[in-house]
Amino acid sequence: PFYLKKCNQWNDLNELIKEAISLNLEDR
């Protein structure tokens, strides 16, 4: 995977999704 992170809480999940999308956009 280009990006892989783990968490076990809903709030953390939302933040990881935002981070993943942001890094993906930088990789264009």
mmCIF file of all heavy atoms, coordinates in Angstrom:
data_MODEL
# 
_entry.id   MODEL 
# 
loop_
_atom_site.group_PDB 
_atom_site.id 
_atom_site.type_symbol 
_atom_site.label_atom_id 
_atom_site.label_alt_id 
_atom_site.label_comp_id 
_atom_site.label_asym_id 
_atom_site.label_entity_id 
_atom_site.label_seq_id 
_atom_site.pdbx_PDB_ins_code 
_atom_site.Cartn_x 
_atom_site.Cartn_y 
_atom_site.Cartn_z 
_atom_site.occupancy 
_atom_site.B_iso_or_equiv 
_atom_site.pdbx_formal_charge 
_atom_site.auth_seq_id 
_atom_site.auth_comp_id 
_atom_site.auth_asym_id 
_atom_site.auth_atom_id 
_atom_site.pdbx_PDB_model_num 
ATOM 1   N N   . PRO A 1 1  ? 0.825   -1.217 0.000  1.00 0.00 ? 1  PRO A N   1 
ATOM 2   C CA  . PRO A 1 1  ? 0.000   0.000  0.000  1.00 0.00 ? 1  PRO A CA  1 
ATOM 3   C C   . PRO A 1 1  ? 0.857   1.264  0.000  1.00 0.00 ? 1  PRO A C   1 
ATOM 4   O O   . PRO A 1 1  ? 1.915   1.323  0.638  1.00 0.00 ? 1  PRO A O   1 
ATOM 5   C CB  . PRO A 1 1  ? -0.793  -0.100 1.304  1.00 0.00 ? 1  PRO A CB  1 
ATOM 6   C CG  . PRO A 1 1  ? -0.738  -1.544 1.678  1.00 0.00 ? 1  PRO A CG  1 
ATOM 7   C CD  . PRO A 1 1  ? 0.561   -2.063 1.155  1.00 0.00 ? 1  PRO A CD  1 
ATOM 8   N N   . PHE A 1 2  ? 0.402   2.254  -0.732 1.00 0.00 ? 2  PHE A N   1 
ATOM 9   C CA  . PHE A 1 2  ? 1.043   3.570  -0.767 1.00 0.00 ? 2  PHE A CA  1 
ATOM 10  C C   . PHE A 1 2  ? 0.914   4.233  0.606  1.00 0.00 ? 2  PHE A C   1 
ATOM 11  O O   . PHE A 1 2  ? 1.806   4.938  1.071  1.00 0.00 ? 2  PHE A O   1 
ATOM 12  C CB  . PHE A 1 2  ? 0.365   4.417  -1.848 1.00 0.00 ? 2  PHE A CB  1 
ATOM 13  C CG  . PHE A 1 2  ? 0.704   5.875  -1.828 1.00 0.00 ? 2  PHE A CG  1 
ATOM 14  C CD1 . PHE A 1 2  ? 1.947   6.317  -2.220 1.00 0.00 ? 2  PHE A CD1 1 
ATOM 15  C CD2 . PHE A 1 2  ? -0.232  6.814  -1.403 1.00 0.00 ? 2  PHE A CD2 1 
ATOM 16  C CE1 . PHE A 1 2  ? 2.264   7.671  -2.193 1.00 0.00 ? 2  PHE A CE1 1 
ATOM 17  C CE2 . PHE A 1 2  ? 0.077   8.161  -1.378 1.00 0.00 ? 2  PHE A CE2 1 
ATOM 18  C CZ  . PHE A 1 2  ? 1.330   8.598  -1.775 1.00 0.00 ? 2  PHE A CZ  1 
ATOM 19  N N   . TYR A 1 3  ? -0.218  4.003  1.266  1.00 0.00 ? 3  TYR A N   1 
ATOM 20  C CA  . TYR A 1 3  ? -0.514  4.564  2.588  1.00 0.00 ? 3  TYR A CA  1 
ATOM 21  C C   . TYR A 1 3  ? -1.196  3.481  3.399  1.00 0.00 ? 3  TYR A C   1 
ATOM 22  O O   . TYR A 1 3  ? -2.089  2.802  2.891  1.00 0.00 ? 3  TYR A O   1 
ATOM 23  C CB  . TYR A 1 3  ? -1.439  5.773  2.429  1.00 0.00 ? 3  TYR A CB  1 
ATOM 24  C CG  . TYR A 1 3  ? -1.957  6.365  3.722  1.00 0.00 ? 3  TYR A CG  1 
ATOM 25  C CD1 . TYR A 1 3  ? -1.324  7.454  4.304  1.00 0.00 ? 3  TYR A CD1 1 
ATOM 26  C CD2 . TYR A 1 3  ? -3.081  5.847  4.356  1.00 0.00 ? 3  TYR A CD2 1 
ATOM 27  C CE1 . TYR A 1 3  ? -1.799  8.012  5.483  1.00 0.00 ? 3  TYR A CE1 1 
ATOM 28  C CE2 . TYR A 1 3  ? -3.559  6.399  5.544  1.00 0.00 ? 3  TYR A CE2 1 
ATOM 29  C CZ  . TYR A 1 3  ? -2.917  7.482  6.094  1.00 0.00 ? 3  TYR A CZ  1 
ATOM 30  O OH  . TYR A 1 3  ? -3.382  8.024  7.262  1.00 0.00 ? 3  TYR A OH  1 
ATOM 31  N N   . LEU A 1 4  ? -0.786  3.300  4.652  1.00 0.00 ? 4  LEU A N   1 
ATOM 32  C CA  . LEU A 1 4  ? -1.439  2.331  5.538  1.00 0.00 ? 4  LEU A CA  1 
ATOM 33  C C   . LEU A 1 4  ? -1.285  2.784  6.982  1.00 0.00 ? 4  LEU A C   1 
ATOM 34  O O   . LEU A 1 4  ? -0.162  2.953  7.466  1.00 0.00 ? 4  LEU A O   1 
ATOM 35  C CB  . LEU A 1 4  ? -0.838  0.939  5.370  1.00 0.00 ? 4  LEU A CB  1 
ATOM 36  C CG  . LEU A 1 4  ? -1.321  -0.135 6.344  1.00 0.00 ? 4  LEU A CG  1 
ATOM 37  C CD1 . LEU A 1 4  ? -2.821  -0.390 6.174  1.00 0.00 ? 4  LEU A CD1 1 
ATOM 38  C CD2 . LEU A 1 4  ? -0.545  -1.420 6.146  1.00 0.00 ? 4  LEU A CD2 1 
ATOM 39  N N   . LYS A 1 5  ? -2.417  3.037  7.623  1.00 0.00 ? 5  LYS A N   1 
ATOM 40  C CA  . LYS A 1 5  ? -2.417  3.368  9.048  1.00 0.00 ? 5  LYS A CA  1 
ATOM 41  C C   . LYS A 1 5  ? -3.601  2.676  9.701  1.00 0.00 ? 5  LYS A C   1 
ATOM 42  O O   . LYS A 1 5  ? -4.581  2.336  9.045  1.00 0.00 ? 5  LYS A O   1 
ATOM 43  C CB  . LYS A 1 5  ? -2.491  4.869  9.275  1.00 0.00 ? 5  LYS A CB  1 
ATOM 44  C CG  . LYS A 1 5  ? -1.194  5.576  8.911  1.00 0.00 ? 5  LYS A CG  1 
ATOM 45  C CD  . LYS A 1 5  ? -1.065  6.890  9.595  1.00 0.00 ? 5  LYS A CD  1 
ATOM 46  C CE  . LYS A 1 5  ? 0.270   7.524  9.235  1.00 0.00 ? 5  LYS A CE  1 
ATOM 47  N NZ  . LYS A 1 5  ? 0.373   8.888  9.736  1.00 0.00 ? 5  LYS A NZ  1 
ATOM 48  N N   . LYS A 1 6  ? -3.486  2.495  11.013 1.00 0.00 ? 6  LYS A N   1 
ATOM 49  C CA  . LYS A 1 6  ? -4.510  1.783  11.771 1.00 0.00 ? 6  LYS A CA  1 
ATOM 50  C C   . LYS A 1 6  ? -4.964  2.611  12.962 1.00 0.00 ? 6  LYS A C   1 
ATOM 51  O O   . LYS A 1 6  ? -4.198  3.419  13.488 1.00 0.00 ? 6  LYS A O   1 
ATOM 52  C CB  . LYS A 1 6  ? -3.951  0.451  12.272 1.00 0.00 ? 6  LYS A CB  1 
ATOM 53  C CG  . LYS A 1 6  ? -3.465  -0.441 11.162 1.00 0.00 ? 6  LYS A CG  1 
ATOM 54  C CD  . LYS A 1 6  ? -2.738  -1.644 11.705 1.00 0.00 ? 6  LYS A CD  1 
ATOM 55  C CE  . LYS A 1 6  ? -2.169  -2.452 10.554 1.00 0.00 ? 6  LYS A CE  1 
ATOM 56  N NZ  . LYS A 1 6  ? -1.358  -3.567 11.026 1.00 0.00 ? 6  LYS A NZ  1 
ATOM 57  N N   . CYS A 1 7  ? -6.220  2.377  13.372 1.00 0.00 ? 7  CYS A N   1 
ATOM 58  C CA  . CYS A 1 7  ? -6.764  3.017  14.562 1.00 0.00 ? 7  CYS A CA  1 
ATOM 59  C C   . CYS A 1 7  ? -7.926  2.175  15.068 1.00 0.00 ? 7  CYS A C   1 
ATOM 60  O O   . CYS A 1 7  ? -8.349  1.233  14.398 1.00 0.00 ? 7  CYS A O   1 
ATOM 61  C CB  . CYS A 1 7  ? -7.223  4.445  14.258 1.00 0.00 ? 7  CYS A CB  1 
ATOM 62  S SG  . CYS A 1 7  ? -8.625  4.539  13.120 1.00 0.00 ? 7  CYS A SG  1 
ATOM 63  N N   . ASN A 1 8  ? -8.438  2.516  16.244 1.00 0.00 ? 8  ASN A N   1 
ATOM 64  C CA  . ASN A 1 8  ? -9.574  1.750  16.758 1.00 0.00 ? 8  ASN A CA  1 
ATOM 65  C C   . ASN A 1 8  ? -10.687 2.635  17.313 1.00 0.00 ? 8  ASN A C   1 
ATOM 66  O O   . ASN A 1 8  ? -11.505 2.172  18.107 1.00 0.00 ? 8  ASN A O   1 
ATOM 67  C CB  . ASN A 1 8  ? -9.125  0.711  17.792 1.00 0.00 ? 8  ASN A CB  1 
ATOM 68  C CG  . ASN A 1 8  ? -8.435  1.340  18.978 1.00 0.00 ? 8  ASN A CG  1 
ATOM 69  O OD1 . ASN A 1 8  ? -8.396  2.557  19.109 1.00 0.00 ? 8  ASN A OD1 1 
ATOM 70  N ND2 . ASN A 1 8  ? -7.877  0.524  19.840 1.00 0.00 ? 8  ASN A ND2 1 
ATOM 71  N N   . GLN A 1 9  ? -10.731 3.890  16.894 1.00 0.00 ? 9  GLN A N   1 
ATOM 72  C CA  . GLN A 1 9  ? -11.779 4.815  17.328 1.00 0.00 ? 9  GLN A CA  1 
ATOM 73  C C   . GLN A 1 9  ? -12.344 5.558  16.125 1.00 0.00 ? 9  GLN A C   1 
ATOM 74  O O   . GLN A 1 9  ? -11.630 5.859  15.170 1.00 0.00 ? 9  GLN A O   1 
ATOM 75  C CB  . GLN A 1 9  ? -11.226 5.831  18.340 1.00 0.00 ? 9  GLN A CB  1 
ATOM 76  C CG  . GLN A 1 9  ? -10.701 5.210  19.611 1.00 0.00 ? 9  GLN A CG  1 
ATOM 77  C CD  . GLN A 1 9  ? -11.781 4.497  20.383 1.00 0.00 ? 9  GLN A CD  1 
ATOM 78  O OE1 . GLN A 1 9  ? -12.907 4.979  20.496 1.00 0.00 ? 9  GLN A OE1 1 
ATOM 79  N NE2 . GLN A 1 9  ? -11.442 3.336  20.931 1.00 0.00 ? 9  GLN A NE2 1 
ATOM 80  N N   . TRP A 1 10 ? -13.642 5.896  16.203 1.00 0.00 ? 10 TRP A N   1 
ATOM 81  C CA  . TRP A 1 10 ? -14.312 6.599  15.102 1.00 0.00 ? 10 TRP A CA  1 
ATOM 82  C C   . TRP A 1 10 ? -13.661 7.938  14.774 1.00 0.00 ? 10 TRP A C   1 
ATOM 83  O O   . TRP A 1 10 ? -13.446 8.258  13.608 1.00 0.00 ? 10 TRP A O   1 
ATOM 84  C CB  . TRP A 1 10 ? -15.790 6.828  15.420 1.00 0.00 ? 10 TRP A CB  1 
ATOM 85  C CG  . TRP A 1 10 ? -16.589 5.574  15.472 1.00 0.00 ? 10 TRP A CG  1 
ATOM 86  C CD1 . TRP A 1 10 ? -17.173 5.016  16.581 1.00 0.00 ? 10 TRP A CD1 1 
ATOM 87  C CD2 . TRP A 1 10 ? -16.904 4.692  14.387 1.00 0.00 ? 10 TRP A CD2 1 
ATOM 88  N NE1 . TRP A 1 10 ? -17.824 3.849  16.237 1.00 0.00 ? 10 TRP A NE1 1 
ATOM 89  C CE2 . TRP A 1 10 ? -17.680 3.633  14.894 1.00 0.00 ? 10 TRP A CE2 1 
ATOM 90  C CE3 . TRP A 1 10 ? -16.607 4.709  13.031 1.00 0.00 ? 10 TRP A CE3 1 
ATOM 91  C CZ2 . TRP A 1 10 ? -18.156 2.606  14.108 1.00 0.00 ? 10 TRP A CZ2 1 
ATOM 92  C CZ3 . TRP A 1 10 ? -17.085 3.676  12.234 1.00 0.00 ? 10 TRP A CZ3 1 
ATOM 93  C CH2 . TRP A 1 10 ? -17.848 2.642  12.768 1.00 0.00 ? 10 TRP A CH2 1 
ATOM 94  N N   . ASN A 1 11 ? -13.340 8.737  15.786 1.00 0.00 ? 11 ASN A N   1 
ATOM 95  C CA  . ASN A 1 11 ? -12.748 10.059 15.534 1.00 0.00 ? 11 ASN A CA  1 
ATOM 96  C C   . ASN A 1 11 ? -11.395 9.936  14.835 1.00 0.00 ? 11 ASN A C   1 
ATOM 97  O O   . ASN A 1 11 ? -11.078 10.710 13.938 1.00 0.00 ? 11 ASN A O   1 
ATOM 98  C CB  . ASN A 1 11 ? -12.591 10.847 16.825 1.00 0.00 ? 11 ASN A CB  1 
ATOM 99  C CG  . ASN A 1 11 ? -13.916 11.308 17.383 1.00 0.00 ? 11 ASN A CG  1 
ATOM 100 O OD1 . ASN A 1 11 ? -14.906 11.403 16.670 1.00 0.00 ? 11 ASN A OD1 1 
ATOM 101 N ND2 . ASN A 1 11 ? -13.946 11.582 18.668 1.00 0.00 ? 11 ASN A ND2 1 
ATOM 102 N N   . ASP A 1 12 ? -10.617 8.956  15.264 1.00 0.00 ? 12 ASP A N   1 
ATOM 103 C CA  . ASP A 1 12 ? -9.315  8.734  14.638 1.00 0.00 ? 12 ASP A CA  1 
ATOM 104 C C   . ASP A 1 12 ? -9.482  8.285  13.186 1.00 0.00 ? 12 ASP A C   1 
ATOM 105 O O   . ASP A 1 12 ? -8.699  8.670  12.322 1.00 0.00 ? 12 ASP A O   1 
ATOM 106 C CB  . ASP A 1 12 ? -8.516  7.684  15.412 1.00 0.00 ? 12 ASP A CB  1 
ATOM 107 C CG  . ASP A 1 12 ? -8.156  8.144  16.813 1.00 0.00 ? 12 ASP A CG  1 
ATOM 108 O OD1 . ASP A 1 12 ? -8.137  9.366  17.067 1.00 0.00 ? 12 ASP A OD1 1 
ATOM 109 O OD2 . ASP A 1 12 ? -7.907  7.272  17.670 1.00 0.00 ? 12 ASP A OD2 1 
ATOM 110 N N   . LEU A 1 13 ? -10.504 7.474  12.932 1.00 0.00 ? 13 LEU A N   1 
ATOM 111 C CA  . LEU A 1 13 ? -10.753 7.005  11.572 1.00 0.00 ? 13 LEU A CA  1 
ATOM 112 C C   . LEU A 1 13 ? -11.004 8.173  10.627 1.00 0.00 ? 13 LEU A C   1 
ATOM 113 O O   . LEU A 1 13 ? -10.433 8.235  9.533  1.00 0.00 ? 13 LEU A O   1 
ATOM 114 C CB  . LEU A 1 13 ? -11.942 6.038  11.551 1.00 0.00 ? 13 LEU A CB  1 
ATOM 115 C CG  . LEU A 1 13 ? -12.352 5.517  10.169 1.00 0.00 ? 13 LEU A CG  1 
ATOM 116 C CD1 . LEU A 1 13 ? -11.208 4.745  9.520  1.00 0.00 ? 13 LEU A CD1 1 
ATOM 117 C CD2 . LEU A 1 13 ? -13.599 4.659  10.288 1.00 0.00 ? 13 LEU A CD2 1 
ATOM 118 N N   . ASN A 1 14 ? -11.824 9.091  11.039 1.00 0.00 ? 14 ASN A N   1 
ATOM 119 C CA  . ASN A 1 14 ? -12.116 10.262 10.206 1.00 0.00 ? 14 ASN A CA  1 
ATOM 120 C C   . ASN A 1 14 ? -10.839 11.034 9.879  1.00 0.00 ? 14 ASN A C   1 
ATOM 121 O O   . ASN A 1 14 ? -10.617 11.444 8.740  1.00 0.00 ? 14 ASN A O   1 
ATOM 122 C CB  . ASN A 1 14 ? -13.137 11.157 10.901 1.00 0.00 ? 14 ASN A CB  1 
ATOM 123 C CG  . ASN A 1 14 ? -13.704 12.194 9.973  1.00 0.00 ? 14 ASN A CG  1 
ATOM 124 O OD1 . ASN A 1 14 ? -14.033 11.918 8.836  1.00 0.00 ? 14 ASN A OD1 1 
ATOM 125 N ND2 . ASN A 1 14 ? -13.816 13.419 10.467 1.00 0.00 ? 14 ASN A ND2 1 
ATOM 126 N N   . GLU A 1 15 ? -9.985  11.210 10.870 1.00 0.00 ? 15 GLU A N   1 
ATOM 127 C CA  . GLU A 1 15 ? -8.729  11.938 10.652 1.00 0.00 ? 15 GLU A CA  1 
ATOM 128 C C   . GLU A 1 15 ? -7.791  11.178 9.715  1.00 0.00 ? 15 GLU A C   1 
ATOM 129 O O   . GLU A 1 15 ? -7.128  11.786 8.875  1.00 0.00 ? 15 GLU A O   1 
ATOM 130 C CB  . GLU A 1 15 ? -8.039  12.232 11.989 1.00 0.00 ? 15 GLU A CB  1 
ATOM 131 C CG  . GLU A 1 15 ? -8.807  13.211 12.856 1.00 0.00 ? 15 GLU A CG  1 
ATOM 132 C CD  . GLU A 1 15 ? -9.145  14.508 12.135 1.00 0.00 ? 15 GLU A CD  1 
ATOM 133 O OE1 . GLU A 1 15 ? -8.231  15.122 11.526 1.00 0.00 ? 15 GLU A OE1 1 
ATOM 134 O OE2 . GLU A 1 15 ? -10.322 14.909 12.155 1.00 0.00 ? 15 GLU A OE2 1 
ATOM 135 N N   . LEU A 1 16 ? -7.729  9.852  9.860  1.00 0.00 ? 16 LEU A N   1 
ATOM 136 C CA  . LEU A 1 16 ? -6.865  9.073  8.967  1.00 0.00 ? 16 LEU A CA  1 
ATOM 137 C C   . LEU A 1 16 ? -7.357  9.106  7.526  1.00 0.00 ? 16 LEU A C   1 
ATOM 138 O O   . LEU A 1 16 ? -6.555  9.130  6.593  1.00 0.00 ? 16 LEU A O   1 
ATOM 139 C CB  . LEU A 1 16 ? -6.771  7.618  9.450  1.00 0.00 ? 16 LEU A CB  1 
ATOM 140 C CG  . LEU A 1 16 ? -5.962  7.372  10.714 1.00 0.00 ? 16 LEU A CG  1 
ATOM 141 C CD1 . LEU A 1 16 ? -5.882  5.881  11.011 1.00 0.00 ? 16 LEU A CD1 1 
ATOM 142 C CD2 . LEU A 1 16 ? -4.572  7.983  10.622 1.00 0.00 ? 16 LEU A CD2 1 
ATOM 143 N N   . ILE A 1 17 ? -8.672  9.098  7.342  1.00 0.00 ? 17 ILE A N   1 
ATOM 144 C CA  . ILE A 1 17 ? -9.218  9.192  5.986  1.00 0.00 ? 17 ILE A CA  1 
ATOM 145 C C   . ILE A 1 17 ? -8.821  10.526 5.354  1.00 0.00 ? 17 ILE A C   1 
ATOM 146 O O   . ILE A 1 17 ? -8.363  10.578 4.211  1.00 0.00 ? 17 ILE A O   1 
ATOM 147 C CB  . ILE A 1 17 ? -10.745 9.023  5.986  1.00 0.00 ? 17 ILE A CB  1 
ATOM 148 C CG1 . ILE A 1 17 ? -11.113 7.592  6.387  1.00 0.00 ? 17 ILE A CG1 1 
ATOM 149 C CG2 . ILE A 1 17 ? -11.332 9.367  4.616  1.00 0.00 ? 17 ILE A CG2 1 
ATOM 150 C CD1 . ILE A 1 17 ? -12.586 7.381  6.658  1.00 0.00 ? 17 ILE A CD1 1 
ATOM 151 N N   . LYS A 1 18 ? -8.968  11.601 6.108  1.00 0.00 ? 18 LYS A N   1 
ATOM 152 C CA  . LYS A 1 18 ? -8.587  12.927 5.599  1.00 0.00 ? 18 LYS A CA  1 
ATOM 153 C C   . LYS A 1 18 ? -7.092  12.975 5.272  1.00 0.00 ? 18 LYS A C   1 
ATOM 154 O O   . LYS A 1 18 ? -6.689  13.523 4.240  1.00 0.00 ? 18 LYS A O   1 
ATOM 155 C CB  . LYS A 1 18 ? -8.944  14.007 6.613  1.00 0.00 ? 18 LYS A CB  1 
ATOM 156 C CG  . LYS A 1 18 ? -10.436 14.238 6.746  1.00 0.00 ? 18 LYS A CG  1 
ATOM 157 C CD  . LYS A 1 18 ? -10.713 15.263 7.808  1.00 0.00 ? 18 LYS A CD  1 
ATOM 158 C CE  . LYS A 1 18 ? -12.202 15.466 8.022  1.00 0.00 ? 18 LYS A CE  1 
ATOM 159 N NZ  . LYS A 1 18 ? -12.473 16.406 9.123  1.00 0.00 ? 18 LYS A NZ  1 
ATOM 160 N N   . GLU A 1 19 ? -6.256  12.403 6.143  1.00 0.00 ? 19 GLU A N   1 
ATOM 161 C CA  . GLU A 1 19 ? -4.817  12.384 5.918  1.00 0.00 ? 19 GLU A CA  1 
ATOM 162 C C   . GLU A 1 19 ? -4.470  11.578 4.667  1.00 0.00 ? 19 GLU A C   1 
ATOM 163 O O   . GLU A 1 19 ? -3.661  12.011 3.840  1.00 0.00 ? 19 GLU A O   1 
ATOM 164 C CB  . GLU A 1 19 ? -4.119  11.777 7.138  1.00 0.00 ? 19 GLU A CB  1 
ATOM 165 C CG  . GLU A 1 19 ? -2.614  11.685 6.997  1.00 0.00 ? 19 GLU A CG  1 
ATOM 166 C CD  . GLU A 1 19 ? -1.982  11.056 8.217  1.00 0.00 ? 19 GLU A CD  1 
ATOM 167 O OE1 . GLU A 1 19 ? -1.762  11.778 9.209  1.00 0.00 ? 19 GLU A OE1 1 
ATOM 168 O OE2 . GLU A 1 19 ? -1.704  9.836  8.182  1.00 0.00 ? 19 GLU A OE2 1 
ATOM 169 N N   . ALA A 1 20 ? -5.095  10.417 4.514  1.00 0.00 ? 20 ALA A N   1 
ATOM 170 C CA  . ALA A 1 20 ? -4.833  9.565  3.352  1.00 0.00 ? 20 ALA A CA  1 
ATOM 171 C C   . ALA A 1 20 ? -5.196  10.279 2.056  1.00 0.00 ? 20 ALA A C   1 
ATOM 172 O O   . ALA A 1 20 ? -4.427  10.256 1.089  1.00 0.00 ? 20 ALA A O   1 
ATOM 173 C CB  . ALA A 1 20 ? -5.614  8.257  3.478  1.00 0.00 ? 20 ALA A CB  1 
ATOM 174 N N   . ILE A 1 21 ? -6.343  10.917 2.043  1.00 0.00 ? 21 ILE A N   1 
ATOM 175 C CA  . ILE A 1 21 ? -6.774  11.636 0.838  1.00 0.00 ? 21 ILE A CA  1 
ATOM 176 C C   . ILE A 1 21 ? -5.830  12.790 0.532  1.00 0.00 ? 21 ILE A C   1 
ATOM 177 O O   . ILE A 1 21 ? -5.457  13.024 -0.611 1.00 0.00 ? 21 ILE A O   1 
ATOM 178 C CB  . ILE A 1 21 ? -8.231  12.114 0.982  1.00 0.00 ? 21 ILE A CB  1 
ATOM 179 C CG1 . ILE A 1 21 ? -9.172  10.908 0.969  1.00 0.00 ? 21 ILE A CG1 1 
ATOM 180 C CG2 . ILE A 1 21 ? -8.600  13.093 -0.121 1.00 0.00 ? 21 ILE A CG2 1 
ATOM 181 C CD1 . ILE A 1 21 ? -10.591 11.236 1.324  1.00 0.00 ? 21 ILE A CD1 1 
ATOM 182 N N   . SER A 1 22 ? -5.406  13.497 1.565  1.00 0.00 ? 22 SER A N   1 
ATOM 183 C CA  . SER A 1 22 ? -4.481  14.617 1.378  1.00 0.00 ? 22 SER A CA  1 
ATOM 184 C C   . SER A 1 22 ? -3.150  14.140 0.799  1.00 0.00 ? 22 SER A C   1 
ATOM 185 O O   . SER A 1 22 ? -2.632  14.734 -0.145 1.00 0.00 ? 22 SER A O   1 
ATOM 186 C CB  . SER A 1 22 ? -4.256  15.312 2.727  1.00 0.00 ? 22 SER A CB  1 
ATOM 187 O OG  . SER A 1 22 ? -3.308  16.327 2.594  1.00 0.00 ? 22 SER A OG  1 
ATOM 188 N N   . LEU A 1 23 ? -2.592  13.055 1.327  1.00 0.00 ? 23 LEU A N   1 
ATOM 189 C CA  . LEU A 1 23 ? -1.333  12.510 0.802  1.00 0.00 ? 23 LEU A CA  1 
ATOM 190 C C   . LEU A 1 23 ? -1.515  11.998 -0.625 1.00 0.00 ? 23 LEU A C   1 
ATOM 191 O O   . LEU A 1 23 ? -0.617  12.126 -1.455 1.00 0.00 ? 23 LEU A O   1 
ATOM 192 C CB  . LEU A 1 23 ? -0.812  11.404 1.707  1.00 0.00 ? 23 LEU A CB  1 
ATOM 193 C CG  . LEU A 1 23 ? -0.249  11.870 3.036  1.00 0.00 ? 23 LEU A CG  1 
ATOM 194 C CD1 . LEU A 1 23 ? 0.078   10.678 3.933  1.00 0.00 ? 23 LEU A CD1 1 
ATOM 195 C CD2 . LEU A 1 23 ? 0.976   12.742 2.830  1.00 0.00 ? 23 LEU A CD2 1 
ATOM 196 N N   . ASN A 1 24 ? -2.670  11.401 -0.892 1.00 0.00 ? 24 ASN A N   1 
ATOM 197 C CA  . ASN A 1 24 ? -2.952  10.918 -2.236 1.00 0.00 ? 24 ASN A CA  1 
ATOM 198 C C   . ASN A 1 24 ? -2.960  12.076 -3.234 1.00 0.00 ? 24 ASN A C   1 
ATOM 199 O O   . ASN A 1 24 ? -2.432  11.961 -4.327 1.00 0.00 ? 24 ASN A O   1 
ATOM 200 C CB  . ASN A 1 24 ? -4.300  10.184 -2.273 1.00 0.00 ? 24 ASN A CB  1 
ATOM 201 C CG  . ASN A 1 24 ? -4.645  9.705  -3.648 1.00 0.00 ? 24 ASN A CG  1 
ATOM 202 O OD1 . ASN A 1 24 ? -4.044  8.792  -4.169 1.00 0.00 ? 24 ASN A OD1 1 
ATOM 203 N ND2 . ASN A 1 24 ? -5.617  10.351 -4.272 1.00 0.00 ? 24 ASN A ND2 1 
ATOM 204 N N   . LEU A 1 25 ? -3.544  13.192 -2.857 1.00 0.00 ? 25 LEU A N   1 
ATOM 205 C CA  . LEU A 1 25 ? -3.593  14.356 -3.743 1.00 0.00 ? 25 LEU A CA  1 
ATOM 206 C C   . LEU A 1 25 ? -2.205  14.907 -4.020 1.00 0.00 ? 25 LEU A C   1 
ATOM 207 O O   . LEU A 1 25 ? -1.929  15.399 -5.103 1.00 0.00 ? 25 LEU A O   1 
ATOM 208 C CB  . LEU A 1 25 ? -4.494  15.439 -3.145 1.00 0.00 ? 25 LEU A CB  1 
ATOM 209 C CG  . LEU A 1 25 ? -5.992  15.099 -3.092 1.00 0.00 ? 25 LEU A CG  1 
ATOM 210 C CD1 . LEU A 1 25 ? -6.748  16.181 -2.331 1.00 0.00 ? 25 LEU A CD1 1 
ATOM 211 C CD2 . LEU A 1 25 ? -6.558  14.911 -4.474 1.00 0.00 ? 25 LEU A CD2 1 
ATOM 212 N N   . GLU A 1 26 ? -1.311  14.826 -3.018 1.00 0.00 ? 26 GLU A N   1 
ATOM 213 C CA  . GLU A 1 26 ? 0.059   15.324 -3.191 1.00 0.00 ? 26 GLU A CA  1 
ATOM 214 C C   . GLU A 1 26 ? 0.862   14.436 -4.139 1.00 0.00 ? 26 GLU A C   1 
ATOM 215 O O   . GLU A 1 26 ? 1.859   14.867 -4.693 1.00 0.00 ? 26 GLU A O   1 
ATOM 216 C CB  . GLU A 1 26 ? 0.760   15.378 -1.838 1.00 0.00 ? 26 GLU A CB  1 
ATOM 217 C CG  . GLU A 1 26 ? 0.205   16.422 -0.908 1.00 0.00 ? 26 GLU A CG  1 
ATOM 218 C CD  . GLU A 1 26 ? 0.804   16.358 0.487  1.00 0.00 ? 26 GLU A CD  1 
ATOM 219 O OE1 . GLU A 1 26 ? 1.770   15.589 0.702  1.00 0.00 ? 26 GLU A OE1 1 
ATOM 220 O OE2 . GLU A 1 26 ? 0.305   17.064 1.358  1.00 0.00 ? 26 GLU A OE2 1 
ATOM 221 N N   . ASP A 1 27 ? 0.414   13.193 -4.316 1.00 0.00 ? 27 ASP A N   1 
ATOM 222 C CA  . ASP A 1 27 ? 1.167   12.202 -5.105 1.00 0.00 ? 27 ASP A CA  1 
ATOM 223 C C   . ASP A 1 27 ? 0.809   12.235 -6.587 1.00 0.00 ? 27 ASP A C   1 
ATOM 224 O O   . ASP A 1 27 ? 1.191   11.364 -7.332 1.00 0.00 ? 27 ASP A O   1 
ATOM 225 C CB  . ASP A 1 27 ? 0.897   10.798 -4.545 1.00 0.00 ? 27 ASP A CB  1 
ATOM 226 C CG  . ASP A 1 27 ? 1.732   9.742  -5.250 1.00 0.00 ? 27 ASP A CG  1 
ATOM 227 O OD1 . ASP A 1 27 ? 2.962   9.890  -5.282 1.00 0.00 ? 27 ASP A OD1 1 
ATOM 228 O OD2 . ASP A 1 27 ? 1.139   8.798  -5.792 1.00 0.00 ? 27 ASP A OD2 1 
ATOM 229 N N   . ARG A 1 28 ? 0.090   13.186 -7.046 1.00 0.00 ? 28 ARG A N   1 
ATOM 230 C CA  . ARG A 1 28 ? -0.359  13.225 -8.457 1.00 0.00 ? 28 ARG A CA  1 
ATOM 231 C C   . ARG A 1 28 ? 0.775   13.334 -9.418 1.00 0.00 ? 28 ARG A C   1 
ATOM 232 O O   . ARG A 1 28 ? 1.771   13.810 -9.337 1.00 0.00 ? 28 ARG A O   1 
ATOM 233 C CB  . ARG A 1 28 ? -1.326  14.377 -8.668 1.00 0.00 ? 28 ARG A CB  1 
ATOM 234 C CG  . ARG A 1 28 ? -2.626  14.061 -8.011 1.00 0.00 ? 28 ARG A CG  1 
ATOM 235 C CD  . ARG A 1 28 ? -3.624  15.137 -8.292 1.00 0.00 ? 28 ARG A CD  1 
ATOM 236 N NE  . ARG A 1 28 ? -4.907  14.664 -7.799 1.00 0.00 ? 28 ARG A NE  1 
ATOM 237 C CZ  . ARG A 1 28 ? -6.055  14.990 -8.301 1.00 0.00 ? 28 ARG A CZ  1 
ATOM 238 N NH1 . ARG A 1 28 ? -6.111  15.782 -9.312 1.00 0.00 ? 28 ARG A NH1 1 
ATOM 239 N NH2 . ARG A 1 28 ? -7.154  14.527 -7.805 1.00 0.00 ? 28 ARG A NH2 1 
# 
